[in-house]
Amino acid sequence: MHSRHNLTQSSLVAPVVAYDVQFFGTALDTQLGWENVTIALAFILFDACVSGILKIGVGTSLLISAVRCMVQLTVVATILQQVFAAKDKWVVASITILLNLLGTIEIVVNKSKRRYQHMFPSVLVAMLGSTIPVSILGSRYAMAIDPFWTPIQYIPIVGMLCGATISGITVSTNYVLKELQENRDKVEVYLAFGASRVEACRPIAIEALRLALTPTINNMSVLGIIAIPGMMTGAILGGSSVQQAARLQMVIVFMISASTTLASIFTTFSVIIVTVDRQHRIRADRIDEKKHGIWRARIEGQII
């Protein structure tokens, strides 16, 4: 086990065989500066120009997102550099919780077109209950990392799981809330004939989960043949052997699928339990279509 652990560790952070270093020597020796980022920013400016010419209306959003991306990655890189050096498990745990908390805020505030009562705590529980168990089991056993919380590996894994889980929760939640509002008569027919709220909403729940998992399924089906994923590319450019990078990507994708599934199932049934009460009534009053209070405050210029 000890030798297996050493092999796994070295494959993630250091070259495994000589030809990898020679083949990727240019990438490994290149030090990127802000001038390189500025050059790459020209691609965003091109997109913004196209948006303006064709009147698509996303130019401003592109520029804001690009600036936000640069600021966020710079801050994260600065923090992670200190965390990797400290190797403190409590700091790793704090960052893990923070990532899940920020992911929950992103879902509730920015991603969801509709919200339901107690959405924030239910989504937070879904995030924590999916990303943490999957990341721990995957890191310790599938990737043979000991200790599993080794910062340089565990934190990026949690970040990837959070990103994928956000998409799954958003898709499933939006679909269920949309159906309960726009096609509530179908659900009410089932309820009128004596079906429980879970039975009445079962077709909606199944379709919501199918939609939430479709991107993950499609992603797995094209990896390697049509698309070379970012994780694999990063591992290769970092000096890992191609075979090790491929296996690492397999493990990550399988972990993402499990995390997305767990979180989507939990939030789907949370929506149903909240919006259809024990008296078998659809509670439209528990669904909010308005923009989140933060956005309303921005629009109205006041704190709500």
C-alpha atoms as a PDB file:
ATOM      1  CA  MET A   1       0.000   0.000   0.000  1.00  0.00           C
ATOM      2  CA  HIS A   2       2.834   2.356   0.818  1.00  0.00           C
ATOM      3  CA  SER A   3       4.435   1.944  -2.601  1.00  0.00           C
ATOM      4  CA  ARG A   4       1.081   2.374  -4.297  1.00  0.00           C
ATOM      5  CA  HIS A   5       0.535   5.617  -2.422  1.00  0.00           C
ATOM      6  CA  ASN A   6       3.939   6.944  -3.438  1.00  0.00           C
ATOM      7  CA  LEU A   7       3.265   6.146  -7.075  1.00  0.00           C
ATOM      8  CA  THR A   8      -0.077   7.917  -6.994  1.00  0.00           C
ATOM      9  CA  GLN A   9       1.314  10.960  -5.271  1.00  0.00           C
ATOM     10  CA  SER A  10       4.216  11.314  -7.678  1.00  0.00           C
ATOM     11  CA  SER A  11       2.007  10.840 -10.700  1.00  0.00           C
ATOM     12  CA  LEU A  12      -0.076  13.845  -9.676  1.00  0.00           C
ATOM     13  CA  VAL A  13       2.643  16.348  -8.855  1.00  0.00           C
ATOM     14  CA  ALA A  14       5.850  15.203 -10.533  1.00  0.00           C
ATOM     15  CA  PRO A  15       7.063  13.597 -13.783  1.00  0.00           C
ATOM     16  CA  VAL A  16       6.863   9.808 -13.830  1.00  0.00           C
ATOM     17  CA  VAL A  17       9.055   8.912 -16.763  1.00  0.00           C
ATOM     18  CA  ALA A  18      11.800  10.723 -18.610  1.00  0.00           C
ATOM     19  CA  TYR A  19      10.043  11.222 -21.930  1.00  0.00           C
ATOM     20  CA  ASP A  20       7.223  13.162 -20.227  1.00  0.00           C
ATOM     21  CA  VAL A  21       9.633  15.831 -19.070  1.00  0.00           C
ATOM     22  CA  GLN A  22      11.223  16.084 -22.492  1.00  0.00           C
ATOM     23  CA  PHE A  23       7.915  16.129 -24.358  1.00  0.00           C
ATOM     24  CA  PHE A  24       6.263  18.692 -22.105  1.00  0.00           C
ATOM     25  CA  GLY A  25       9.428  20.555 -21.206  1.00  0.00           C
ATOM     26  CA  THR A  26       8.310  23.762 -22.883  1.00  0.00           C
ATOM     27  CA  ALA A  27       5.033  23.870 -20.956  1.00  0.00           C
ATOM     28  CA  LEU A  28       6.734  23.067 -17.658  1.00  0.00           C
ATOM     29  CA  ASP A  29       9.436  25.714 -18.113  1.00  0.00           C
ATOM     30  CA  THR A  30       7.082  28.491 -19.221  1.00  0.00           C
ATOM     31  CA  GLN A  31       6.260  31.081 -16.576  1.00  0.00           C
ATOM     32  CA  LEU A  32       3.039  32.910 -17.403  1.00  0.00           C
ATOM     33  CA  GLY A  33       2.771  36.576 -16.484  1.00  0.00           C
ATOM     34  CA  TRP A  34      -0.021  39.121 -16.593  1.00  0.00           C
ATOM     35  CA  GLU A  35       1.037  40.054 -20.111  1.00  0.00           C
ATOM     36  CA  ASN A  36       0.065  36.525 -21.189  1.00  0.00           C
ATOM     37  CA  VAL A  37      -3.323  36.869 -19.518  1.00  0.00           C
ATOM     38  CA  THR A  38      -3.803  40.241 -21.214  1.00  0.00           C
ATOM     39  CA  ILE A  39      -3.121  38.677 -24.601  1.00  0.00           C
ATOM     40  CA  ALA A  40      -5.626  35.906 -23.863  1.00  0.00           C
ATOM     41  CA  LEU A  41      -8.169  38.558 -22.835  1.00  0.00           C
ATOM     42  CA  ALA A  42      -8.280  39.541 -26.504  1.00  0.00           C
ATOM     43  CA  PHE A  43     -10.423  36.448 -27.087  1.00  0.00           C
ATOM     44  CA  ILE A  44     -13.040  37.822 -24.686  1.00  0.00           C
ATOM     45  CA  LEU A  45     -12.895  41.220 -26.368  1.00  0.00           C
ATOM     46  CA  PHE A  46     -13.471  39.482 -29.694  1.00  0.00           C
ATOM     47  CA  ASP A  47     -16.560  37.766 -28.275  1.00  0.00           C
ATOM     48  CA  ALA A  48     -17.825  41.080 -26.908  1.00  0.00           C
ATOM     49  CA  CYS A  49     -17.344  42.743 -30.302  1.00  0.00           C
ATOM     50  CA  VAL A  50     -19.256  39.948 -32.025  1.00  0.00           C
ATOM     51  CA  SER A  51     -22.030  40.350 -29.462  1.00  0.00           C
ATOM     52  CA  GLY A  52     -22.181  44.080 -30.162  1.00  0.00           C
ATOM     53  CA  ILE A  53     -22.165  43.711 -33.951  1.00  0.00           C
ATOM     54  CA  LEU A  54     -24.869  41.033 -33.938  1.00  0.00           C
ATOM     55  CA  LYS A  55     -26.747  42.752 -31.079  1.00  0.00           C
ATOM     56  CA  ILE A  56     -26.766  39.572 -28.997  1.00  0.00           C
ATOM     57  CA  GLY A  57     -26.616  41.580 -25.800  1.00  0.00           C
ATOM     58  CA  VAL A  58     -24.093  39.517 -23.844  1.00  0.00           C
ATOM     59  CA  GLY A  59     -21.001  41.666 -24.334  1.00  0.00           C
ATOM     60  CA  THR A  60     -21.202  43.356 -20.940  1.00  0.00           C
ATOM     61  CA  SER A  61     -21.863  40.034 -19.219  1.00  0.00           C
ATOM     62  CA  LEU A  62     -18.819  38.531 -20.920  1.00  0.00           C
ATOM     63  CA  LEU A  63     -16.547  41.342 -19.783  1.00  0.00           C
ATOM     64  CA  ILE A  64     -17.881  41.313 -16.219  1.00  0.00           C
ATOM     65  CA  SER A  65     -17.529  37.535 -16.041  1.00  0.00           C
ATOM     66  CA  ALA A  66     -13.975  37.725 -17.386  1.00  0.00           C
ATOM     67  CA  VAL A  67     -12.955  40.325 -14.791  1.00  0.00           C
ATOM     68  CA  ARG A  68     -14.680  38.327 -12.067  1.00  0.00           C
ATOM     69  CA  CYS A  69     -12.841  35.213 -13.226  1.00  0.00           C
ATOM     70  CA  MET A  70      -9.468  36.970 -13.076  1.00  0.00           C
ATOM     71  CA  VAL A  71     -10.077  38.413  -9.611  1.00  0.00           C
ATOM     72  CA  GLN A  72     -11.439  35.167  -8.190  1.00  0.00           C
ATOM     73  CA  LEU A  73      -8.629  33.006  -9.550  1.00  0.00           C
ATOM     74  CA  THR A  74      -5.996  35.458  -8.328  1.00  0.00           C
ATOM     75  CA  VAL A  75      -7.451  35.476  -4.820  1.00  0.00           C
ATOM     76  CA  VAL A  76      -7.872  31.698  -4.783  1.00  0.00           C
ATOM     77  CA  ALA A  77      -4.310  31.144  -6.009  1.00  0.00           C
ATOM     78  CA  THR A  78      -2.941  33.389  -3.257  1.00  0.00           C
ATOM     79  CA  ILE A  79      -4.956  31.612  -0.562  1.00  0.00           C
ATOM     80  CA  LEU A  80      -4.246  28.104  -1.824  1.00  0.00           C
ATOM     81  CA  GLN A  81      -0.523  28.779  -1.962  1.00  0.00           C
ATOM     82  CA  GLN A  82      -0.581  29.448   1.781  1.00  0.00           C
ATOM     83  CA  VAL A  83      -2.870  26.479   2.476  1.00  0.00           C
ATOM     84  CA  PHE A  84      -0.700  24.047   0.520  1.00  0.00           C
ATOM     85  CA  ALA A  85       2.337  25.204   2.455  1.00  0.00           C
ATOM     86  CA  ALA A  86       0.620  24.959   5.858  1.00  0.00           C
ATOM     87  CA  LYS A  87      -0.826  21.436   5.374  1.00  0.00           C
ATOM     88  CA  ASP A  88      -3.347  21.955   8.172  1.00  0.00           C
ATOM     89  CA  LYS A  89      -6.389  19.653   8.111  1.00  0.00           C
ATOM     90  CA  TRP A  90      -8.581  22.211   9.881  1.00  0.00           C
ATOM     91  CA  VAL A  91      -7.792  24.822   7.263  1.00  0.00           C
ATOM     92  CA  VAL A  92      -8.641  22.272   4.569  1.00  0.00           C
ATOM     93  CA  ALA A  93     -11.939  21.524   6.321  1.00  0.00           C
ATOM     94  CA  SER A  94     -12.739  25.241   6.538  1.00  0.00           C
ATOM     95  CA  ILE A  95     -12.066  25.770   2.840  1.00  0.00           C
ATOM     96  CA  THR A  96     -14.187  22.725   1.985  1.00  0.00           C
ATOM     97  CA  ILE A  97     -17.138  24.151   3.908  1.00  0.00           C
ATOM     98  CA  LEU A  98     -16.538  27.598   2.404  1.00  0.00           C
ATOM     99  CA  LEU A  99     -16.589  26.200  -1.141  1.00  0.00           C
ATOM    100  CA  ASN A 100     -19.891  24.457  -0.462  1.00  0.00           C
ATOM    101  CA  LEU A 101     -21.313  27.586   1.146  1.00  0.00           C
ATOM    102  CA  LEU A 102     -20.331  29.737  -1.833  1.00  0.00           C
ATOM    103  CA  GLY A 103     -21.773  27.116  -4.179  1.00  0.00           C
ATOM    104  CA  THR A 104     -25.064  27.234  -2.283  1.00  0.00           C
ATOM    105  CA  ILE A 105     -25.172  31.026  -2.521  1.00  0.00           C
ATOM    106  CA  GLU A 106     -24.474  30.804  -6.253  1.00  0.00           C
ATOM    107  CA  ILE A 107     -27.393  28.409  -6.741  1.00  0.00           C
ATOM    108  CA  VAL A 108     -29.918  30.280  -4.602  1.00  0.00           C
ATOM    109  CA  VAL A 109     -29.001  33.831  -5.598  1.00  0.00           C
ATOM    110  CA  ASN A 110     -27.747  33.634  -9.187  1.00  0.00           C
ATOM    111  CA  LYS A 111     -28.686  30.354 -10.843  1.00  0.00           C
ATOM    112  CA  SER A 112     -32.266  29.671  -9.779  1.00  0.00           C
ATOM    113  CA  LYS A 113     -35.119  31.309 -11.675  1.00  0.00           C
ATOM    114  CA  ARG A 114     -37.521  30.183  -8.962  1.00  0.00           C
ATOM    115  CA  ARG A 115     -36.956  29.555  -5.275  1.00  0.00           C
ATOM    116  CA  TYR A 116     -38.869  27.735  -2.558  1.00  0.00           C
ATOM    117  CA  GLN A 117     -39.092  28.084   1.197  1.00  0.00           C
ATOM    118  CA  HIS A 118     -36.065  26.827   3.115  1.00  0.00           C
ATOM    119  CA  MET A 119     -34.149  26.505  -0.148  1.00  0.00           C
ATOM    120  CA  PHE A 120     -30.831  27.708   1.248  1.00  0.00           C
ATOM    121  CA  PRO A 121     -30.486  25.137   4.075  1.00  0.00           C
ATOM    122  CA  SER A 122     -31.741  22.263   1.922  1.00  0.00           C
ATOM    123  CA  VAL A 123     -29.316  23.070  -0.897  1.00  0.00           C
ATOM    124  CA  LEU A 124     -26.451  23.501   1.572  1.00  0.00           C
ATOM    125  CA  VAL A 125     -27.188  20.097   3.119  1.00  0.00           C
ATOM    126  CA  ALA A 126     -27.326  18.571  -0.373  1.00  0.00           C
ATOM    127  CA  MET A 127     -23.968  20.119  -1.281  1.00  0.00           C
ATOM    128  CA  LEU A 128     -22.240  19.045   1.920  1.00  0.00           C
ATOM    129  CA  GLY A 129     -23.882  15.619   1.926  1.00  0.00           C
ATOM    130  CA  SER A 130     -22.687  14.830  -1.578  1.00  0.00           C
ATOM    131  CA  THR A 131     -19.319  16.515  -2.139  1.00  0.00           C
ATOM    132  CA  ILE A 132     -17.745  15.668   1.226  1.00  0.00           C
ATOM    133  CA  PRO A 133     -18.473  11.892   1.381  1.00  0.00           C
ATOM    134  CA  VAL A 134     -17.627  11.397  -2.293  1.00  0.00           C
ATOM    135  CA  SER A 135     -14.414  13.434  -2.050  1.00  0.00           C
ATOM    136  CA  ILE A 136     -13.270  11.591   1.083  1.00  0.00           C
ATOM    137  CA  LEU A 137     -13.993   8.099  -0.265  1.00  0.00           C
ATOM    138  CA  GLY A 138     -12.631   8.911  -3.712  1.00  0.00           C
ATOM    139  CA  SER A 139      -9.444  10.514  -2.417  1.00  0.00           C
ATOM    140  CA  ARG A 140      -8.685   7.848   0.163  1.00  0.00           C
ATOM    141  CA  TYR A 141      -9.570   4.692  -1.755  1.00  0.00           C
ATOM    142  CA  ALA A 142      -9.920   5.391  -5.494  1.00  0.00           C
ATOM    143  CA  MET A 143      -6.873   7.687  -5.571  1.00  0.00           C
ATOM    144  CA  ALA A 144      -5.026   6.081  -2.619  1.00  0.00           C
ATOM    145  CA  ILE A 145      -4.133   9.441  -1.054  1.00  0.00           C
ATOM    146  CA  ASP A 146      -3.021   9.184   2.572  1.00  0.00           C
ATOM    147  CA  PRO A 147      -4.030  11.308   4.354  1.00  0.00           C
ATOM    148  CA  PHE A 148      -7.070  11.923   2.180  1.00  0.00           C
ATOM    149  CA  TRP A 149      -7.133  15.633   3.067  1.00  0.00           C
ATOM    150  CA  THR A 150      -3.718  16.372   1.507  1.00  0.00           C
ATOM    151  CA  PRO A 151      -4.420  20.001   0.447  1.00  0.00           C
ATOM    152  CA  ILE A 152      -2.759  20.001  -2.977  1.00  0.00           C
ATOM    153  CA  GLN A 153      -5.104  17.226  -4.126  1.00  0.00           C
ATOM    154  CA  TYR A 154      -8.185  17.300  -1.899  1.00  0.00           C
ATOM    155  CA  ILE A 155      -9.113  20.972  -2.332  1.00  0.00           C
ATOM    156  CA  PRO A 156      -9.079  20.902  -6.179  1.00  0.00           C
ATOM    157  CA  ILE A 157     -11.168  17.717  -6.070  1.00  0.00           C
ATOM    158  CA  VAL A 158     -13.779  19.337  -3.825  1.00  0.00           C
ATOM    159  CA  GLY A 159     -13.808  22.377  -6.105  1.00  0.00           C
ATOM    160  CA  MET A 160     -14.536  20.257  -9.175  1.00  0.00           C
ATOM    161  CA  LEU A 161     -17.257  18.327  -7.359  1.00  0.00           C
ATOM    162  CA  CYS A 162     -18.879  21.568  -6.214  1.00  0.00           C
ATOM    163  CA  GLY A 163     -18.871  22.987  -9.738  1.00  0.00           C
ATOM    164  CA  ALA A 164     -20.574  19.941 -11.230  1.00  0.00           C
ATOM    165  CA  THR A 165     -23.007  19.590  -8.330  1.00  0.00           C
ATOM    166  CA  ILE A 166     -24.125  23.204  -8.726  1.00  0.00           C
ATOM    167  CA  SER A 167     -25.228  22.468 -12.288  1.00  0.00           C
ATOM    168  CA  GLY A 168     -27.113  19.321 -11.310  1.00  0.00           C
ATOM    169  CA  ILE A 169     -28.977  20.982  -8.444  1.00  0.00           C
ATOM    170  CA  THR A 170     -29.862  24.014 -10.556  1.00  0.00           C
ATOM    171  CA  VAL A 171     -31.291  21.959 -13.412  1.00  0.00           C
ATOM    172  CA  SER A 172     -33.340  19.609 -11.232  1.00  0.00           C
ATOM    173  CA  THR A 173     -34.684  22.340  -8.946  1.00  0.00           C
ATOM    174  CA  ASN A 174     -35.667  24.689 -11.759  1.00  0.00           C
ATOM    175  CA  TYR A 175     -37.457  21.898 -13.624  1.00  0.00           C
ATOM    176  CA  VAL A 176     -39.500  20.706 -10.626  1.00  0.00           C
ATOM    177  CA  LEU A 177     -40.557  24.232  -9.656  1.00  0.00           C
ATOM    178  CA  LYS A 178     -41.444  25.059 -13.257  1.00  0.00           C
ATOM    179  CA  GLU A 179     -43.615  21.959 -13.621  1.00  0.00           C
ATOM    180  CA  LEU A 180     -45.382  22.498 -10.298  1.00  0.00           C
ATOM    181  CA  GLN A 181     -46.319  26.005 -11.384  1.00  0.00           C
ATOM    182  CA  GLU A 182     -47.089  25.568 -15.064  1.00  0.00           C
ATOM    183  CA  ASN A 183     -48.519  22.021 -15.026  1.00  0.00           C
ATOM    184  CA  ARG A 184     -49.913  21.821 -11.522  1.00  0.00           C
ATOM    185  CA  ASP A 185     -53.263  20.521 -12.818  1.00  0.00           C
ATOM    186  CA  LYS A 186     -51.654  17.188 -13.747  1.00  0.00           C
ATOM    187  CA  VAL A 187     -50.240  16.755 -10.265  1.00  0.00           C
ATOM    188  CA  GLU A 188     -53.538  17.774  -8.687  1.00  0.00           C
ATOM    189  CA  VAL A 189     -55.359  15.061 -10.647  1.00  0.00           C
ATOM    190  CA  TYR A 190     -53.059  12.430  -9.151  1.00  0.00           C
ATOM    191  CA  LEU A 191     -53.547  13.927  -5.697  1.00  0.00           C
ATOM    192  CA  ALA A 192     -57.337  13.993  -6.131  1.00  0.00           C
ATOM    193  CA  PHE A 193     -57.330  10.256  -6.869  1.00  0.00           C
ATOM    194  CA  GLY A 194     -55.503   9.485  -3.640  1.00  0.00           C
ATOM    195  CA  ALA A 195     -51.853   9.515  -4.673  1.00  0.00           C
ATOM    196  CA  SER A 196     -49.294  10.656  -2.131  1.00  0.00           C
ATOM    197  CA  ARG A 197     -47.237  13.729  -2.912  1.00  0.00           C
ATOM    198  CA  VAL A 198     -44.244  11.577  -3.828  1.00  0.00           C
ATOM    199  CA  GLU A 199     -46.362   9.369  -6.101  1.00  0.00           C
ATOM    200  CA  ALA A 200     -48.048  12.354  -7.745  1.00  0.00           C
ATOM    201  CA  CYS A 201     -44.733  14.083  -8.425  1.00  0.00           C
ATOM    202  CA  ARG A 202     -42.840  10.942  -9.421  1.00  0.00           C
ATOM    203  CA  PRO A 203     -42.903  11.633 -13.212  1.00  0.00           C
ATOM    204  CA  ILE A 204     -41.640  15.166 -12.591  1.00  0.00           C
ATOM    205  CA  ALA A 205     -38.912  13.937 -10.255  1.00  0.00           C
ATOM    206  CA  ILE A 206     -37.731  11.293 -12.719  1.00  0.00           C
ATOM    207  CA  GLU A 207     -37.528  13.801 -15.559  1.00  0.00           C
ATOM    208  CA  ALA A 208     -35.740  16.327 -13.333  1.00  0.00           C
ATOM    209  CA  LEU A 209     -33.099  13.775 -12.356  1.00  0.00           C
ATOM    210  CA  ARG A 210     -32.703  12.669 -15.954  1.00  0.00           C
ATOM    211  CA  LEU A 211     -32.081  16.261 -17.057  1.00  0.00           C
ATOM    212  CA  ALA A 212     -29.659  16.850 -14.173  1.00  0.00           C
ATOM    213  CA  LEU A 213     -27.575  13.778 -15.024  1.00  0.00           C
ATOM    214  CA  THR A 214     -27.666  14.125 -18.821  1.00  0.00           C
ATOM    215  CA  PRO A 215     -24.674  16.539 -19.012  1.00  0.00           C
ATOM    216  CA  THR A 216     -22.557  14.160 -16.917  1.00  0.00           C
ATOM    217  CA  ILE A 217     -23.558  11.181 -19.056  1.00  0.00           C
ATOM    218  CA  ASN A 218     -22.849  13.090 -22.266  1.00  0.00           C
ATOM    219  CA  ASN A 219     -19.517  14.262 -20.892  1.00  0.00           C
ATOM    220  CA  MET A 220     -18.399  10.720 -20.053  1.00  0.00           C
ATOM    221  CA  SER A 221     -19.444   9.436 -23.468  1.00  0.00           C
ATOM    222  CA  VAL A 222     -17.216  11.873 -25.388  1.00  0.00           C
ATOM    223  CA  LEU A 223     -14.164  12.034 -23.111  1.00  0.00           C
ATOM    224  CA  GLY A 224     -10.966  10.950 -24.803  1.00  0.00           C
ATOM    225  CA  ILE A 225     -12.420  10.451 -28.275  1.00  0.00           C
ATOM    226  CA  ILE A 226     -13.968  13.820 -29.054  1.00  0.00           C
ATOM    227  CA  ALA A 227     -12.732  15.951 -26.157  1.00  0.00           C
ATOM    228  CA  ILE A 228      -9.635  15.912 -23.965  1.00  0.00           C
ATOM    229  CA  PRO A 229     -10.849  17.142 -20.558  1.00  0.00           C
ATOM    230  CA  GLY A 230      -9.233  19.973 -18.661  1.00  0.00           C
ATOM    231  CA  MET A 231      -8.187  17.838 -15.686  1.00  0.00           C
ATOM    232  CA  MET A 232      -6.323  15.424 -17.926  1.00  0.00           C
ATOM    233  CA  THR A 233      -4.730  18.254 -19.884  1.00  0.00           C
ATOM    234  CA  GLY A 234      -3.606  19.953 -16.675  1.00  0.00           C
ATOM    235  CA  ALA A 235      -2.105  16.741 -15.306  1.00  0.00           C
ATOM    236  CA  ILE A 236      -0.198  16.152 -18.544  1.00  0.00           C
ATOM    237  CA  LEU A 237       1.098  19.713 -18.692  1.00  0.00           C
ATOM    238  CA  GLY A 238       2.068  19.343 -15.031  1.00  0.00           C
ATOM    239  CA  GLY A 239       4.362  16.444 -15.890  1.00  0.00           C
ATOM    240  CA  SER A 240       2.272  13.307 -15.265  1.00  0.00           C
ATOM    241  CA  SER A 241       2.436  10.415 -17.680  1.00  0.00           C
ATOM    242  CA  VAL A 242      -0.402  10.266 -20.187  1.00  0.00           C
ATOM    243  CA  GLN A 243      -1.660   6.963 -18.755  1.00  0.00           C
ATOM    244  CA  GLN A 244      -1.712   8.312 -15.203  1.00  0.00           C
ATOM    245  CA  ALA A 245      -3.484  11.472 -16.368  1.00  0.00           C
ATOM    246  CA  ALA A 246      -6.135   9.386 -18.141  1.00  0.00           C
ATOM    247  CA  ARG A 247      -6.770   7.239 -15.053  1.00  0.00           C
ATOM    248  CA  LEU A 248      -6.936  10.318 -12.870  1.00  0.00           C
ATOM    249  CA  GLN A 249      -9.574  11.785 -15.176  1.00  0.00           C
ATOM    250  CA  MET A 250     -11.617   8.578 -15.013  1.00  0.00           C
ATOM    251  CA  VAL A 251     -11.652   8.690 -11.218  1.00  0.00           C
ATOM    252  CA  ILE A 252     -12.635  12.365 -11.151  1.00  0.00           C
ATOM    253  CA  VAL A 253     -15.480  11.916 -13.648  1.00  0.00           C
ATOM    254  CA  PHE A 254     -16.900   8.962 -11.730  1.00  0.00           C
ATOM    255  CA  MET A 255     -16.749  10.979  -8.508  1.00  0.00           C
ATOM    256  CA  ILE A 256     -18.517  13.881 -10.203  1.00  0.00           C
ATOM    257  CA  SER A 257     -21.329  11.609 -11.378  1.00  0.00           C
ATOM    258  CA  ALA A 258     -21.880  10.265  -7.848  1.00  0.00           C
ATOM    259  CA  SER A 259     -21.841  13.705  -6.240  1.00  0.00           C
ATOM    260  CA  THR A 260     -24.241  15.155  -8.813  1.00  0.00           C
ATOM    261  CA  THR A 261     -26.620  12.220  -8.413  1.00  0.00           C
ATOM    262  CA  LEU A 262     -26.749  12.422  -4.614  1.00  0.00           C
ATOM    263  CA  ALA A 263     -27.276  16.185  -4.534  1.00  0.00           C
ATOM    264  CA  SER A 264     -29.890  16.171  -7.313  1.00  0.00           C
ATOM    265  CA  ILE A 265     -31.935  13.432  -5.630  1.00  0.00           C
ATOM    266  CA  PHE A 266     -31.900  15.215  -2.271  1.00  0.00           C
ATOM    267  CA  THR A 267     -32.897  18.627  -3.634  1.00  0.00           C
ATOM    268  CA  THR A 268     -35.555  17.187  -5.956  1.00  0.00           C
ATOM    269  CA  PHE A 269     -37.360  15.525  -3.074  1.00  0.00           C
ATOM    270  CA  SER A 270     -36.800  18.570  -0.868  1.00  0.00           C
ATOM    271  CA  VAL A 271     -38.678  20.696  -3.396  1.00  0.00           C
ATOM    272  CA  ILE A 272     -41.541  18.192  -3.520  1.00  0.00           C
ATOM    273  CA  ILE A 273     -41.840  17.917   0.262  1.00  0.00           C
ATOM    274  CA  VAL A 274     -41.855  21.701   0.720  1.00  0.00           C
ATOM    275  CA  THR A 275     -44.154  22.666  -2.168  1.00  0.00           C
ATOM    276  CA  VAL A 276     -46.680  19.832  -1.737  1.00  0.00           C
ATOM    277  CA  ASP A 277     -47.806  19.677   1.887  1.00  0.00           C
ATOM    278  CA  ARG A 278     -49.054  16.770   3.992  1.00  0.00           C
ATOM    279  CA  GLN A 279     -52.655  17.594   3.107  1.00  0.00           C
ATOM    280  CA  HIS A 280     -51.773  16.870  -0.542  1.00  0.00           C
ATOM    281  CA  ARG A 281     -52.047  20.472  -1.664  1.00  0.00           C
ATOM    282  CA  ILE A 282     -49.676  22.273  -3.990  1.00  0.00           C
ATOM    283  CA  ARG A 283     -48.461  25.309  -2.073  1.00  0.00           C
ATOM    284  CA  ALA A 284     -47.813  27.904  -4.754  1.00  0.00           C
ATOM    285  CA  ASP A 285     -47.315  30.443  -1.969  1.00  0.00           C
ATOM    286  CA  ARG A 286     -44.082  28.644  -1.072  1.00  0.00           C
ATOM    287  CA  ILE A 287     -42.621  29.273  -4.538  1.00  0.00           C
ATOM    288  CA  ASP A 288     -41.024  32.622  -5.306  1.00  0.00           C
ATOM    289  CA  GLU A 289     -40.503  33.778  -8.889  1.00  0.00           C
ATOM    290  CA  LYS A 290     -39.074  37.168  -8.023  1.00  0.00           C
ATOM    291  CA  LYS A 291     -35.404  37.923  -8.268  1.00  0.00           C
ATOM    292  CA  HIS A 292     -33.484  37.244  -5.085  1.00  0.00           C
ATOM    293  CA  GLY A 293     -33.449  40.059  -2.544  1.00  0.00           C
ATOM    294  CA  ILE A 294     -29.813  40.833  -3.311  1.00  0.00           C
ATOM    295  CA  TRP A 295     -30.650  41.494  -6.959  1.00  0.00           C
ATOM    296  CA  ARG A 296     -33.761  43.502  -6.040  1.00  0.00           C
ATOM    297  CA  ALA A 297     -31.600  45.634  -3.758  1.00  0.00           C
ATOM    298  CA  ARG A 298     -29.213  46.317  -6.611  1.00  0.00           C
ATOM    299  CA  ILE A 299     -32.036  47.265  -8.945  1.00  0.00           C
ATOM    300  CA  GLU A 300     -33.903  49.464  -6.472  1.00  0.00           C
ATOM    301  CA  GLY A 301     -30.736  50.921  -4.982  1.00  0.00           C
ATOM    302  CA  GLN A 302     -31.683  49.956  -1.453  1.00  0.00           C
ATOM    303  CA  ILE A 303     -31.156  47.109   0.991  1.00  0.00           C
ATOM    304  CA  ILE A 304     -34.076  44.688   1.199  1.00  0.00           C
END
